[in-house]
Amino acid sequence: MDERKVQRINELTRISRERELTEEEQQERQALRMEYVESVKKNLAAQLNSTVVVDEKGHRRPLRPKK
């Protein structure tokens, strides 16, 4: 997610503290928040997929999904 969209989320939050958001602004903020959460999840999954565990003997093995 690019920085402009994050700034827009913050801007809408500031506006909501001053006055009630219009229906259109509420929908925009909700859509941007959902996009942000999905972006964070995707980045975390990529990071976990590239993480390896090194045991006492120096053997490297990738993390496995929890069952």
N, C-alpha and C. Protein backbone atom coordinates (compact mmCIF):
# COMPACT_ATOMS: atom_id res chain seq x y z
N MET A 1 0.85 -1.17 0.00
CA MET A 1 0.00 0.00 0.00
C MET A 1 0.89 1.23 0.00
N ASP A 2 0.55 2.19 -0.84
CA ASP A 2 1.42 3.37 -0.94
C ASP A 2 1.12 4.39 0.17
N GLU A 3 2.04 5.27 0.36
CA GLU A 3 1.99 6.25 1.46
C GLU A 3 0.80 7.19 1.34
N ARG A 4 0.40 7.52 0.11
CA ARG A 4 -0.75 8.41 -0.09
C ARG A 4 -2.01 7.85 0.54
N LYS A 5 -2.21 6.55 0.39
CA LYS A 5 -3.42 5.93 0.93
C LYS A 5 -3.39 5.91 2.46
N VAL A 6 -2.22 5.67 3.03
CA VAL A 6 -2.09 5.69 4.49
C VAL A 6 -2.36 7.10 5.00
N GLN A 7 -1.84 8.10 4.30
CA GLN A 7 -2.09 9.49 4.69
C GLN A 7 -3.58 9.82 4.60
N ARG A 8 -4.25 9.27 3.60
CA ARG A 8 -5.69 9.52 3.45
C ARG A 8 -6.47 8.89 4.61
N ILE A 9 -6.09 7.69 5.03
CA ILE A 9 -6.73 7.06 6.19
C ILE A 9 -6.57 7.97 7.41
N ASN A 10 -5.35 8.47 7.62
CA ASN A 10 -5.08 9.35 8.76
C ASN A 10 -5.87 10.65 8.66
N GLU A 11 -5.97 11.18 7.46
CA GLU A 11 -6.72 12.41 7.25
C GLU A 11 -8.20 12.20 7.59
N LEU A 12 -8.77 11.10 7.12
CA LEU A 12 -10.17 10.81 7.41
C LEU A 12 -10.40 10.60 8.91
N THR A 13 -9.43 10.02 9.58
CA THR A 13 -9.54 9.83 11.03
C THR A 13 -9.53 11.18 11.74
N ARG A 14 -8.64 12.09 11.32
CA ARG A 14 -8.61 13.43 11.91
C ARG A 14 -9.93 14.16 11.68
N ILE A 15 -10.46 14.04 10.48
CA ILE A 15 -11.73 14.69 10.15
C ILE A 15 -12.85 14.13 11.04
N SER A 16 -12.82 12.81 11.25
CA SER A 16 -13.88 12.18 12.05
C SER A 16 -13.88 12.65 13.50
N ARG A 17 -12.74 13.14 13.97
CA ARG A 17 -12.67 13.67 15.33
C ARG A 17 -13.28 15.07 15.42
N GLU A 18 -13.29 15.76 14.29
CA GLU A 18 -13.83 17.12 14.25
C GLU A 18 -15.32 17.14 13.93
N ARG A 19 -15.73 16.25 13.05
CA ARG A 19 -17.13 16.19 12.64
C ARG A 19 -17.45 14.77 12.20
N GLU A 20 -18.72 14.51 12.02
CA GLU A 20 -19.11 13.18 11.56
C GLU A 20 -18.81 13.05 10.07
N LEU A 21 -18.27 11.90 9.69
CA LEU A 21 -17.95 11.67 8.29
C LEU A 21 -19.23 11.43 7.49
N THR A 22 -19.18 11.84 6.22
CA THR A 22 -20.31 11.54 5.34
C THR A 22 -20.29 10.04 5.04
N GLU A 23 -21.38 9.55 4.50
CA GLU A 23 -21.47 8.13 4.15
C GLU A 23 -20.37 7.75 3.17
N GLU A 24 -20.11 8.62 2.20
CA GLU A 24 -19.07 8.36 1.20
C GLU A 24 -17.68 8.29 1.85
N GLU A 25 -17.41 9.21 2.78
CA GLU A 25 -16.12 9.21 3.47
C GLU A 25 -15.96 7.97 4.35
N GLN A 26 -17.04 7.56 5.01
CA GLN A 26 -16.99 6.35 5.83
C GLN A 26 -16.68 5.12 4.98
N GLN A 27 -17.31 5.03 3.83
CA GLN A 27 -17.06 3.90 2.94
C GLN A 27 -15.63 3.93 2.41
N GLU A 28 -15.14 5.13 2.06
CA GLU A 28 -13.76 5.25 1.59
C GLU A 28 -12.77 4.82 2.66
N ARG A 29 -13.00 5.29 3.90
CA ARG A 29 -12.10 4.94 5.00
C ARG A 29 -12.12 3.44 5.26
N GLN A 30 -13.31 2.84 5.24
CA GLN A 30 -13.42 1.40 5.48
C GLN A 30 -12.69 0.61 4.39
N ALA A 31 -12.86 1.02 3.13
CA ALA A 31 -12.19 0.33 2.03
C ALA A 31 -10.67 0.46 2.15
N LEU A 32 -10.20 1.66 2.49
CA LEU A 32 -8.76 1.87 2.66
C LEU A 32 -8.21 1.06 3.83
N ARG A 33 -8.96 1.01 4.92
CA ARG A 33 -8.53 0.21 6.08
C ARG A 33 -8.43 -1.27 5.72
N MET A 34 -9.42 -1.78 5.00
CA MET A 34 -9.39 -3.19 4.60
C MET A 34 -8.19 -3.47 3.70
N GLU A 35 -7.91 -2.55 2.78
CA GLU A 35 -6.75 -2.71 1.89
C GLU A 35 -5.46 -2.70 2.71
N TYR A 36 -5.39 -1.83 3.71
CA TYR A 36 -4.21 -1.75 4.56
C TYR A 36 -4.00 -3.05 5.34
N VAL A 37 -5.07 -3.58 5.93
CA VAL A 37 -4.98 -4.82 6.71
C VAL A 37 -4.53 -5.96 5.81
N GLU A 38 -5.09 -6.05 4.62
CA GLU A 38 -4.69 -7.12 3.69
C GLU A 38 -3.22 -6.98 3.31
N SER A 39 -2.77 -5.76 3.13
CA SER A 39 -1.36 -5.51 2.80
C SER A 39 -0.45 -5.98 3.94
N VAL A 40 -0.83 -5.67 5.17
CA VAL A 40 -0.03 -6.09 6.33
C VAL A 40 0.00 -7.61 6.43
N LYS A 41 -1.14 -8.26 6.24
CA LYS A 41 -1.20 -9.73 6.30
C LYS A 41 -0.31 -10.35 5.23
N LYS A 42 -0.37 -9.79 4.02
CA LYS A 42 0.42 -10.32 2.91
C LYS A 42 1.92 -10.18 3.20
N ASN A 43 2.31 -9.01 3.72
CA ASN A 43 3.72 -8.80 4.05
C ASN A 43 4.19 -9.73 5.17
N LEU A 44 3.36 -9.93 6.18
CA LEU A 44 3.71 -10.83 7.27
C LEU A 44 3.85 -12.27 6.77
N ALA A 45 2.92 -12.70 5.93
CA ALA A 45 3.00 -14.05 5.39
C ALA A 45 4.28 -14.25 4.58
N ALA A 46 4.65 -13.26 3.79
CA ALA A 46 5.88 -13.35 2.99
C ALA A 46 7.10 -13.43 3.91
N GLN A 47 7.08 -12.65 4.97
CA GLN A 47 8.20 -12.66 5.91
C GLN A 47 8.31 -14.02 6.61
N LEU A 48 7.18 -14.56 7.04
CA LEU A 48 7.20 -15.85 7.71
C LEU A 48 7.62 -16.98 6.76
N ASN A 49 7.21 -16.87 5.49
CA ASN A 49 7.58 -17.89 4.50
C ASN A 49 9.07 -17.90 4.22
N SER A 50 9.74 -16.78 4.45
CA SER A 50 11.18 -16.74 4.20
C SER A 50 12.00 -16.93 5.48
N THR A 51 11.34 -17.20 6.60
CA THR A 51 12.04 -17.39 7.87
C THR A 51 12.47 -18.84 8.00
N VAL A 52 13.69 -19.03 8.49
CA VAL A 52 14.20 -20.38 8.73
C VAL A 52 14.60 -20.52 10.19
N VAL A 53 14.54 -21.75 10.67
CA VAL A 53 14.94 -22.07 12.03
C VAL A 53 16.27 -22.81 11.95
N VAL A 54 17.22 -22.41 12.79
CA VAL A 54 18.52 -23.07 12.82
C VAL A 54 18.61 -23.80 14.15
N ASP A 55 18.82 -25.14 14.07
CA ASP A 55 18.90 -25.92 15.31
C ASP A 55 20.32 -25.88 15.87
N GLU A 56 20.54 -26.62 16.96
CA GLU A 56 21.83 -26.62 17.64
C GLU A 56 22.98 -27.07 16.76
N LYS A 57 22.70 -27.95 15.81
CA LYS A 57 23.74 -28.49 14.93
C LYS A 57 23.96 -27.63 13.69
N GLY A 58 23.20 -26.55 13.57
CA GLY A 58 23.38 -25.66 12.43
C GLY A 58 22.52 -25.99 11.23
N HIS A 59 21.63 -26.97 11.38
CA HIS A 59 20.73 -27.32 10.28
C HIS A 59 19.66 -26.25 10.15
N ARG A 60 19.46 -25.82 8.91
CA ARG A 60 18.44 -24.80 8.64
C ARG A 60 17.21 -25.47 8.06
N ARG A 61 16.05 -25.08 8.57
CA ARG A 61 14.80 -25.60 8.00
C ARG A 61 13.75 -24.51 8.04
N PRO A 62 12.91 -24.47 7.03
CA PRO A 62 11.88 -23.42 6.96
C PRO A 62 10.79 -23.65 8.02
N LEU A 63 10.14 -22.57 8.40
CA LEU A 63 8.99 -22.71 9.30
C LEU A 63 7.89 -23.46 8.60
N ARG A 64 7.17 -24.27 9.33
CA ARG A 64 6.04 -24.99 8.76
C ARG A 64 4.75 -24.39 9.29
N PRO A 65 3.70 -24.39 8.48
CA PRO A 65 2.42 -23.88 8.97
C PRO A 65 1.92 -24.71 10.16
N LYS A 66 1.31 -24.06 11.10
CA LYS A 66 0.77 -24.74 12.27
C LYS A 66 -0.49 -25.49 11.85
N LYS A 67 -0.63 -26.71 12.35
CA LYS A 67 -1.78 -27.52 11.97
C LYS A 67 -2.95 -27.25 12.86
